[in-house]
Structures are given as C-alpha cells and as structure tokens.
Amino acid sequence: MIYILKPFFYPNTIERILNQLGRSFQVKHKEDFPVAHQINYYFIINTPQNIFWDGMNVAKAIRQRDNTGLLILIDEAPDYQVCFRSHLSFLAVLTPHQAQTELKEYLQNSPLHEKAVSILLIS
C-alpha cells in the first residue's frame, strides 16, 4: 500500500510521478490511515509555509502505528539533522526536485512494483 500524506492544497506531483511509471493505481482519499500488514510506503509532504501541517508530527504518528513502514519525507528545505535526530528511520528525505527523479527508482526497485497497488491520499 502506498500512502501520500500531504496538506489538502498541495499539488499532486507525487501522483503524477506514480502515473508515469506506466501502472494504473487505485486512488482513495481518506483522513486517516489504516495499518495494513504488508509493505507500506508513506510519502509525507512537509511544507514549512503551512502552519497547520507538520510533516514531522505526521511521521511520528505513523511510526507509532507502523514500525516497519517505509517513510519518505519530501520537504522543500529539509533539515537533515532534525530528521536524523528524530529517530524515525526515514528511507529517504528528498526535496520536491529530487523526488521527481528518485521516487521512480524507489518504486521500480520495490516489491510493490509487481503487485496491484492502492494509493491513499491523506489530507
């Protein structure tokens, strides 16, 4: 399962990147995420301009519910030291520009690439 956690008005860049992989995805919009007992990828958008959305707190909440989930933080100005000191075990911390090139590689090398995948958008 792939989860995209982002502020409501954030552009759908990750969805576009996923669609470029040439796979059809089932997209669902939810306000909370269930913990599935499978490999879960969480794409967490952190936007410093939005004071109502804190991607680090979202990542902490996910980590409390899913210890084995793969967290990928996408931040316009990532503070790598804060990410490291948070002990949340991010798979990657990327800028939006890096995400456009590297997300395809992460997903093509993942076990999810061969399976039917659902995407949950959490706002």
N, C-alpha and C. Protein backbone atom coordinates (compact mmCIF):
# COMPACT_ATOMS: atom_id res chain seq x y z
N MET A 1 0.85 -1.17 0.00
CA MET A 1 0.00 0.00 0.00
C MET A 1 0.90 1.23 0.00
N ILE A 2 0.52 2.21 -0.75
CA ILE A 2 1.24 3.49 -0.79
C ILE A 2 0.34 4.55 -0.19
N TYR A 3 0.88 5.29 0.75
CA TYR A 3 0.14 6.38 1.38
C TYR A 3 0.83 7.69 1.01
N ILE A 4 0.05 8.67 0.61
CA ILE A 4 0.58 10.01 0.36
C ILE A 4 -0.08 10.92 1.38
N LEU A 5 0.72 11.47 2.27
CA LEU A 5 0.21 12.33 3.32
C LEU A 5 0.66 13.75 3.02
N LYS A 6 -0.30 14.61 2.74
CA LYS A 6 0.05 15.96 2.30
C LYS A 6 -1.05 16.93 2.71
N PRO A 7 -0.70 18.21 2.78
CA PRO A 7 -1.75 19.21 3.01
C PRO A 7 -2.75 19.18 1.87
N PHE A 8 -3.96 19.58 2.15
CA PHE A 8 -5.06 19.47 1.19
C PHE A 8 -4.76 20.17 -0.14
N PHE A 9 -4.17 21.36 -0.09
CA PHE A 9 -3.97 22.14 -1.31
C PHE A 9 -2.61 21.92 -1.96
N TYR A 10 -1.83 20.96 -1.48
CA TYR A 10 -0.52 20.69 -2.07
C TYR A 10 -0.70 20.08 -3.46
N PRO A 11 0.11 20.46 -4.44
CA PRO A 11 -0.05 19.91 -5.79
C PRO A 11 0.12 18.39 -5.81
N ASN A 12 -0.46 17.76 -6.80
CA ASN A 12 -0.44 16.29 -6.91
C ASN A 12 0.79 15.79 -7.67
N THR A 13 1.96 16.30 -7.33
CA THR A 13 3.16 15.92 -8.06
C THR A 13 3.51 14.45 -7.87
N ILE A 14 3.33 13.92 -6.68
CA ILE A 14 3.67 12.52 -6.44
C ILE A 14 2.75 11.60 -7.23
N GLU A 15 1.48 11.94 -7.29
CA GLU A 15 0.55 11.14 -8.08
C GLU A 15 0.97 11.12 -9.56
N ARG A 16 1.40 12.26 -10.08
CA ARG A 16 1.85 12.32 -11.47
C ARG A 16 3.08 11.44 -11.69
N ILE A 17 4.01 11.47 -10.73
CA ILE A 17 5.21 10.63 -10.83
C ILE A 17 4.83 9.16 -10.84
N LEU A 18 3.90 8.78 -9.98
CA LEU A 18 3.47 7.38 -9.92
C LEU A 18 2.78 6.97 -11.22
N ASN A 19 2.00 7.85 -11.80
CA ASN A 19 1.33 7.54 -13.06
C ASN A 19 2.32 7.41 -14.22
N GLN A 20 3.46 8.09 -14.14
CA GLN A 20 4.47 7.98 -15.18
C GLN A 20 5.15 6.62 -15.20
N LEU A 21 4.98 5.84 -14.14
CA LEU A 21 5.56 4.50 -14.10
C LEU A 21 4.84 3.54 -15.04
N GLY A 22 3.72 3.99 -15.60
CA GLY A 22 3.00 3.16 -16.54
C GLY A 22 2.09 2.13 -15.90
N ARG A 23 1.78 2.33 -14.64
CA ARG A 23 0.89 1.41 -13.92
C ARG A 23 -0.38 2.15 -13.56
N SER A 24 -1.45 1.42 -13.52
CA SER A 24 -2.69 2.05 -13.05
C SER A 24 -2.79 1.85 -11.55
N PHE A 25 -3.13 2.90 -10.86
CA PHE A 25 -3.24 2.87 -9.42
C PHE A 25 -4.66 3.21 -9.03
N GLN A 26 -5.10 2.59 -7.97
CA GLN A 26 -6.40 2.92 -7.40
C GLN A 26 -6.14 3.99 -6.34
N VAL A 27 -6.75 5.15 -6.49
CA VAL A 27 -6.53 6.26 -5.57
C VAL A 27 -7.76 6.45 -4.71
N LYS A 28 -7.54 6.52 -3.40
CA LYS A 28 -8.63 6.76 -2.44
C LYS A 28 -8.24 7.95 -1.58
N HIS A 29 -9.22 8.75 -1.22
CA HIS A 29 -8.98 9.89 -0.34
C HIS A 29 -9.53 9.56 1.04
N LYS A 30 -8.68 9.69 2.05
CA LYS A 30 -9.10 9.42 3.42
C LYS A 30 -8.48 10.46 4.34
N GLU A 31 -8.99 10.51 5.56
CA GLU A 31 -8.43 11.43 6.54
C GLU A 31 -7.57 10.71 7.57
N ASP A 32 -7.58 9.40 7.58
CA ASP A 32 -6.76 8.62 8.49
C ASP A 32 -6.26 7.41 7.73
N PHE A 33 -5.22 6.78 8.23
CA PHE A 33 -4.69 5.64 7.52
C PHE A 33 -4.80 4.38 8.37
N PRO A 34 -5.32 3.31 7.78
CA PRO A 34 -5.32 2.03 8.49
C PRO A 34 -3.94 1.40 8.39
N VAL A 35 -3.59 0.59 9.35
CA VAL A 35 -2.31 -0.10 9.28
C VAL A 35 -2.54 -1.47 8.65
N ALA A 36 -2.01 -1.64 7.48
CA ALA A 36 -2.13 -2.92 6.78
C ALA A 36 -0.88 -3.75 7.09
N HIS A 37 -1.05 -5.03 7.18
CA HIS A 37 0.08 -5.91 7.50
C HIS A 37 0.76 -6.37 6.21
N GLN A 38 1.41 -5.43 5.58
CA GLN A 38 2.14 -5.65 4.35
C GLN A 38 3.18 -4.55 4.25
N ILE A 39 3.89 -4.49 3.16
CA ILE A 39 4.86 -3.41 2.97
C ILE A 39 4.10 -2.13 2.69
N ASN A 40 4.36 -1.11 3.49
CA ASN A 40 3.69 0.17 3.33
C ASN A 40 4.72 1.25 3.05
N TYR A 41 4.47 2.04 2.02
CA TYR A 41 5.28 3.21 1.72
C TYR A 41 4.47 4.43 2.11
N TYR A 42 5.09 5.34 2.84
CA TYR A 42 4.43 6.58 3.25
C TYR A 42 5.21 7.75 2.67
N PHE A 43 4.61 8.49 1.76
CA PHE A 43 5.20 9.70 1.23
C PHE A 43 4.62 10.85 2.03
N ILE A 44 5.45 11.51 2.82
CA ILE A 44 4.98 12.56 3.72
C ILE A 44 5.50 13.89 3.20
N ILE A 45 4.59 14.79 2.92
CA ILE A 45 4.96 16.12 2.44
C ILE A 45 5.06 17.04 3.66
N ASN A 46 6.18 17.74 3.76
CA ASN A 46 6.36 18.72 4.82
C ASN A 46 6.52 20.09 4.17
N THR A 47 5.59 20.98 4.46
CA THR A 47 5.65 22.33 3.89
C THR A 47 5.77 23.34 5.03
N PRO A 48 6.90 24.02 5.13
CA PRO A 48 7.08 24.99 6.21
C PRO A 48 6.12 26.17 6.12
N GLN A 49 5.59 26.47 4.92
CA GLN A 49 4.68 27.60 4.77
C GLN A 49 3.32 27.33 5.40
N ASN A 50 2.94 26.09 5.53
CA ASN A 50 1.63 25.74 6.08
C ASN A 50 1.76 25.48 7.57
N ILE A 51 1.27 26.41 8.39
CA ILE A 51 1.42 26.27 9.84
C ILE A 51 0.48 25.23 10.42
N PHE A 52 -0.49 24.78 9.65
CA PHE A 52 -1.45 23.80 10.14
C PHE A 52 -1.04 22.36 9.80
N TRP A 53 0.07 22.19 9.12
CA TRP A 53 0.51 20.86 8.71
C TRP A 53 1.98 20.70 9.08
N ASP A 54 2.29 19.73 9.93
CA ASP A 54 3.67 19.46 10.32
C ASP A 54 4.00 18.03 9.92
N GLY A 55 4.78 17.89 8.87
CA GLY A 55 5.12 16.57 8.36
C GLY A 55 5.88 15.71 9.35
N MET A 56 6.70 16.33 10.21
CA MET A 56 7.44 15.55 11.20
C MET A 56 6.49 14.94 12.23
N ASN A 57 5.47 15.68 12.65
CA ASN A 57 4.49 15.11 13.58
C ASN A 57 3.68 14.00 12.92
N VAL A 58 3.38 14.17 11.65
CA VAL A 58 2.68 13.12 10.91
C VAL A 58 3.56 11.86 10.86
N ALA A 59 4.85 12.03 10.60
CA ALA A 59 5.77 10.89 10.55
C ALA A 59 5.85 10.19 11.91
N LYS A 60 5.87 10.97 12.99
CA LYS A 60 5.90 10.37 14.34
C LYS A 60 4.64 9.55 14.61
N ALA A 61 3.50 10.07 14.19
CA ALA A 61 2.24 9.34 14.39
C ALA A 61 2.23 8.05 13.59
N ILE A 62 2.77 8.08 12.39
CA ILE A 62 2.84 6.87 11.57
C ILE A 62 3.76 5.85 12.22
N ARG A 63 4.92 6.31 12.66
CA ARG A 63 5.91 5.40 13.24
C ARG A 63 5.37 4.72 14.49
N GLN A 64 4.51 5.41 15.25
CA GLN A 64 3.92 4.80 16.43
C GLN A 64 2.97 3.66 16.05
N ARG A 65 2.34 3.76 14.89
CA ARG A 65 1.37 2.75 14.46
C ARG A 65 1.97 1.69 13.55
N ASP A 66 3.04 2.01 12.86
CA ASP A 66 3.63 1.09 11.89
C ASP A 66 5.15 1.17 12.00
N ASN A 67 5.74 0.23 12.74
CA ASN A 67 7.19 0.24 12.95
C ASN A 67 7.99 -0.15 11.72
N THR A 68 7.38 -0.86 10.80
CA THR A 68 8.12 -1.36 9.65
C THR A 68 7.83 -0.59 8.37
N GLY A 69 6.95 0.40 8.42
CA GLY A 69 6.62 1.18 7.23
C GLY A 69 7.83 1.96 6.73
N LEU A 70 7.88 2.18 5.44
CA LEU A 70 8.98 2.91 4.82
C LEU A 70 8.56 4.36 4.63
N LEU A 71 9.18 5.25 5.41
CA LEU A 71 8.83 6.67 5.40
C LEU A 71 9.74 7.43 4.43
N ILE A 72 9.14 8.19 3.54
CA ILE A 72 9.88 9.06 2.64
C ILE A 72 9.36 10.47 2.85
N LEU A 73 10.21 11.35 3.37
CA LEU A 73 9.84 12.73 3.65
C LEU A 73 10.22 13.60 2.45
N ILE A 74 9.28 14.39 1.98
CA ILE A 74 9.53 15.33 0.89
C ILE A 74 9.34 16.72 1.45
N ASP A 75 10.43 17.47 1.48
CA ASP A 75 10.46 18.78 2.13
C ASP A 75 11.17 19.76 1.22
N GLU A 76 10.65 20.97 1.13
CA GLU A 76 11.26 21.98 0.27
C GLU A 76 12.63 22.43 0.78
N ALA A 77 12.81 22.44 2.09
CA ALA A 77 14.09 22.81 2.69
C ALA A 77 14.38 21.83 3.82
N PRO A 78 14.78 20.59 3.50
CA PRO A 78 14.93 19.58 4.55
C PRO A 78 16.06 19.90 5.52
N ASP A 79 15.79 19.68 6.78
CA ASP A 79 16.80 19.80 7.83
C ASP A 79 17.22 18.38 8.18
N TYR A 80 18.30 17.91 7.57
CA TYR A 80 18.71 16.52 7.71
C TYR A 80 19.09 16.19 9.15
N GLN A 81 19.62 17.15 9.87
CA GLN A 81 19.99 16.91 11.26
C GLN A 81 18.75 16.64 12.12
N VAL A 82 17.70 17.42 11.93
CA VAL A 82 16.45 17.19 12.66
C VAL A 82 15.86 15.84 12.30
N CYS A 83 15.91 15.49 11.03
CA CYS A 83 15.38 14.19 10.60
C CYS A 83 16.16 13.04 11.23
N PHE A 84 17.47 13.16 11.28
CA PHE A 84 18.29 12.11 11.87
C PHE A 84 18.04 12.01 13.37
N ARG A 85 17.98 13.15 14.04
CA ARG A 85 17.79 13.15 15.50
C ARG A 85 16.39 12.74 15.93
N SER A 86 15.45 12.73 15.01
CA SER A 86 14.09 12.32 15.35
C SER A 86 13.99 10.81 15.54
N HIS A 87 14.96 10.05 15.04
CA HIS A 87 14.99 8.58 15.15
C HIS A 87 13.75 7.94 14.53
N LEU A 88 13.24 8.52 13.46
CA LEU A 88 12.06 7.98 12.79
C LEU A 88 12.42 7.01 11.67
N SER A 89 13.69 6.84 11.40
CA SER A 89 14.17 5.90 10.38
C SER A 89 13.55 6.14 9.01
N PHE A 90 13.79 7.33 8.48
CA PHE A 90 13.30 7.65 7.13
C PHE A 90 14.08 6.83 6.11
N LEU A 91 13.38 6.30 5.12
CA LEU A 91 14.05 5.65 4.00
C LEU A 91 14.77 6.71 3.17
N ALA A 92 14.14 7.88 3.03
CA ALA A 92 14.74 8.98 2.27
C ALA A 92 14.15 10.30 2.73
N VAL A 93 14.95 11.34 2.61
CA VAL A 93 14.50 12.72 2.81
C VAL A 93 14.88 13.45 1.53
N LEU A 94 13.86 13.90 0.79
CA LEU A 94 14.08 14.46 -0.54
C LEU A 94 13.47 15.84 -0.67
N THR A 95 14.03 16.63 -1.57
CA THR A 95 13.38 17.86 -1.98
C THR A 95 12.38 17.49 -3.08
N PRO A 96 11.41 18.36 -3.39
CA PRO A 96 10.48 18.04 -4.49
C PRO A 96 11.20 17.78 -5.81
N HIS A 97 12.29 18.50 -6.07
CA HIS A 97 13.04 18.28 -7.31
C HIS A 97 13.68 16.89 -7.32
N GLN A 98 14.29 16.49 -6.20
CA GLN A 98 14.88 15.15 -6.11
C GLN A 98 13.80 14.07 -6.22
N ALA A 99 12.64 14.36 -5.66
CA ALA A 99 11.56 13.37 -5.66
C ALA A 99 11.16 13.00 -7.09
N GLN A 100 11.18 13.97 -7.98
CA GLN A 100 10.77 13.70 -9.36
C GLN A 100 11.67 12.68 -10.04
N THR A 101 12.93 12.63 -9.67
CA THR A 101 13.84 11.66 -10.30
C THR A 101 14.01 10.39 -9.47
N GLU A 102 14.04 10.51 -8.15
CA GLU A 102 14.38 9.36 -7.32
C GLU A 102 13.19 8.50 -6.92
N LEU A 103 11.98 9.05 -6.89
CA LEU A 103 10.83 8.25 -6.49
C LEU A 103 10.57 7.10 -7.46
N LYS A 104 10.76 7.35 -8.73
CA LYS A 104 10.58 6.28 -9.72
C LYS A 104 11.52 5.11 -9.41
N GLU A 105 12.76 5.45 -9.07
CA GLU A 105 13.74 4.41 -8.77
C GLU A 105 13.35 3.62 -7.52
N TYR A 106 12.91 4.31 -6.47
CA TYR A 106 12.49 3.61 -5.26
C TYR A 106 11.35 2.65 -5.56
N LEU A 107 10.37 3.10 -6.31
CA LEU A 107 9.20 2.28 -6.57
C LEU A 107 9.47 1.16 -7.57
N GLN A 108 10.32 1.40 -8.55
CA GLN A 108 10.63 0.33 -9.50
C GLN A 108 11.44 -0.78 -8.85
N ASN A 109 12.21 -0.46 -7.83
CA ASN A 109 13.02 -1.46 -7.13
C ASN A 109 12.28 -2.08 -5.96
N SER A 110 11.06 -1.69 -5.71
CA SER A 110 10.33 -2.19 -4.55
C SER A 110 9.50 -3.41 -4.93
N PRO A 111 9.13 -4.22 -3.94
CA PRO A 111 8.24 -5.36 -4.21
C PRO A 111 6.86 -4.91 -4.67
N LEU A 112 6.49 -3.66 -4.41
CA LEU A 112 5.18 -3.17 -4.82
C LEU A 112 5.07 -3.01 -6.33
N HIS A 113 6.21 -2.97 -7.00
CA HIS A 113 6.20 -2.73 -8.44
C HIS A 113 5.49 -3.85 -9.21
N GLU A 114 5.53 -5.07 -8.67
CA GLU A 114 4.91 -6.19 -9.38
C GLU A 114 3.48 -6.45 -8.95
N LYS A 115 3.01 -5.81 -7.89
CA LYS A 115 1.68 -6.10 -7.35
C LYS A 115 0.70 -5.00 -7.72
N ALA A 116 -0.57 -5.31 -7.54
CA ALA A 116 -1.59 -4.27 -7.66
C ALA A 116 -1.46 -3.37 -6.44
N VAL A 117 -1.46 -2.09 -6.67
CA VAL A 117 -1.19 -1.14 -5.60
C VAL A 117 -2.34 -0.16 -5.47
N SER A 118 -2.70 0.12 -4.23
CA SER A 118 -3.67 1.18 -3.94
C SER A 118 -2.91 2.36 -3.36
N ILE A 119 -3.39 3.54 -3.64
CA ILE A 119 -2.80 4.76 -3.09
C ILE A 119 -3.86 5.44 -2.26
N LEU A 120 -3.51 5.78 -1.02
CA LEU A 120 -4.41 6.54 -0.16
C LEU A 120 -3.87 7.94 -0.03
N LEU A 121 -4.68 8.93 -0.36
CA LEU A 121 -4.31 10.33 -0.16
C LEU A 121 -4.88 10.76 1.18
N ILE A 122 -4.03 11.20 2.07
CA ILE A 122 -4.46 11.61 3.40
C ILE A 122 -4.20 13.10 3.53
N SER A 123 -5.25 13.86 3.75
CA SER A 123 -5.10 15.32 3.86
C SER A 123 -5.51 15.76 5.25
